[in-house]
Amino acid sequence: MDPSEPHDDLLPTILSICEDFFAHTSPAVHRELDTLLKARAISGGPGWLIDMLALTRLRLQNADEPARTMAADQSAVKTRGD
């Protein structure tokens, strides 16, 4: 990671790492994760957690898109010389 990068990019990266880890881990780890989730009254199991990680990451990415588009539009207006 580059220390000069904005820290708001860190959360999608962490979510992606966790999503990949839990999606490709062993059945033993899935059982431990299921036990942990049940202890917190979450009955969806490891698949639920993997889906929620992916959904949250996508929501964050999509939330950034309009801001990027707006910034690009504003930049285009400023550089046109109108």
Protein backbone atom coordinates (compact mmCIF):
# COMPACT_ATOMS: atom_id res chain seq x y z
CA MET A 1 0.00 0.00 0.00
CA ASP A 2 1.10 3.50 -0.78
CA PRO A 3 0.96 5.75 2.30
CA SER A 4 0.08 8.72 0.09
CA GLU A 5 -3.18 7.06 -1.07
CA PRO A 6 -6.41 8.26 0.53
CA HIS A 7 -7.49 6.08 3.46
CA ASP A 8 -11.10 5.93 2.26
CA ASP A 9 -9.93 3.42 -0.37
CA LEU A 10 -8.85 1.08 2.43
CA LEU A 11 -12.29 -0.24 3.39
CA PRO A 12 -13.17 -1.72 -0.04
CA THR A 13 -9.73 -3.35 -0.12
CA ILE A 14 -10.19 -4.89 3.33
CA LEU A 15 -13.68 -6.10 2.40
CA SER A 16 -12.32 -7.69 -0.78
CA ILE A 17 -9.51 -9.45 1.10
CA CYS A 18 -11.95 -10.84 3.68
CA GLU A 19 -14.41 -11.89 0.97
CA ASP A 20 -11.68 -13.77 -0.93
CA PHE A 21 -10.31 -15.36 2.23
CA PHE A 22 -13.65 -16.67 3.47
CA ALA A 23 -14.72 -17.78 -0.01
CA HIS A 24 -11.60 -19.92 -0.48
CA THR A 25 -10.86 -21.20 3.02
CA SER A 26 -11.15 -24.74 4.34
CA PRO A 27 -14.34 -26.38 5.61
CA ALA A 28 -12.86 -26.35 9.12
CA VAL A 29 -12.58 -22.55 9.02
CA HIS A 30 -16.13 -22.33 7.68
CA ARG A 31 -17.33 -24.40 10.67
CA GLU A 32 -15.47 -22.12 13.10
CA LEU A 33 -16.91 -19.06 11.37
CA ASP A 34 -20.40 -20.55 11.54
CA THR A 35 -19.95 -21.10 15.28
CA LEU A 36 -18.80 -17.48 15.70
CA LEU A 37 -21.77 -16.17 13.72
CA LYS A 38 -24.25 -18.31 15.68
CA ALA A 39 -22.78 -16.96 18.94
CA ARG A 40 -23.80 -13.53 17.65
CA ALA A 41 -27.30 -14.74 16.71
CA ILE A 42 -26.53 -14.73 12.97
CA SER A 43 -27.88 -17.90 11.39
CA GLY A 44 -26.92 -17.24 7.78
CA GLY A 45 -23.60 -19.07 8.00
CA PRO A 46 -20.36 -18.34 6.16
CA GLY A 47 -22.13 -17.89 2.82
CA TRP A 48 -24.18 -15.05 4.31
CA LEU A 49 -21.04 -13.31 5.58
CA ILE A 50 -19.29 -13.68 2.22
CA ASP A 51 -22.34 -12.23 0.45
CA MET A 52 -22.57 -9.31 2.90
CA LEU A 53 -18.88 -8.52 2.43
CA ALA A 54 -19.31 -8.49 -1.35
CA LEU A 55 -22.53 -6.46 -1.19
CA THR A 56 -21.00 -3.87 1.12
CA ARG A 57 -17.92 -3.57 -1.11
CA LEU A 58 -20.11 -3.07 -4.19
CA ARG A 59 -22.28 -0.50 -2.43
CA LEU A 60 -19.19 1.47 -1.46
CA GLN A 61 -17.87 1.33 -5.03
CA ASN A 62 -21.22 2.40 -6.47
CA ALA A 63 -21.56 5.22 -3.94
CA ASP A 64 -18.24 6.62 -5.18
CA GLU A 65 -19.24 6.47 -8.86
CA PRO A 66 -21.62 9.49 -8.93
CA ALA A 67 -19.02 11.62 -7.13
CA ARG A 68 -16.36 10.61 -9.65
CA THR A 69 -18.71 11.27 -12.56
CA MET A 70 -19.67 14.66 -11.15
CA ALA A 71 -16.00 15.60 -10.65
CA ALA A 72 -15.20 14.53 -14.21
CA ASP A 73 -18.14 16.58 -15.54
CA GLN A 74 -17.03 19.64 -13.58
CA SER A 75 -13.47 19.20 -14.84
CA ALA A 76 -14.71 19.00 -18.42
CA VAL A 77 -16.72 22.18 -17.99
CA LYS A 78 -13.72 24.04 -16.56
CA THR A 79 -11.35 22.91 -19.31
CA ARG A 80 -13.70 23.71 -22.21
CA GLY A 81 -13.17 27.43 -21.78
CA ASP A 82 -16.88 28.34 -21.78
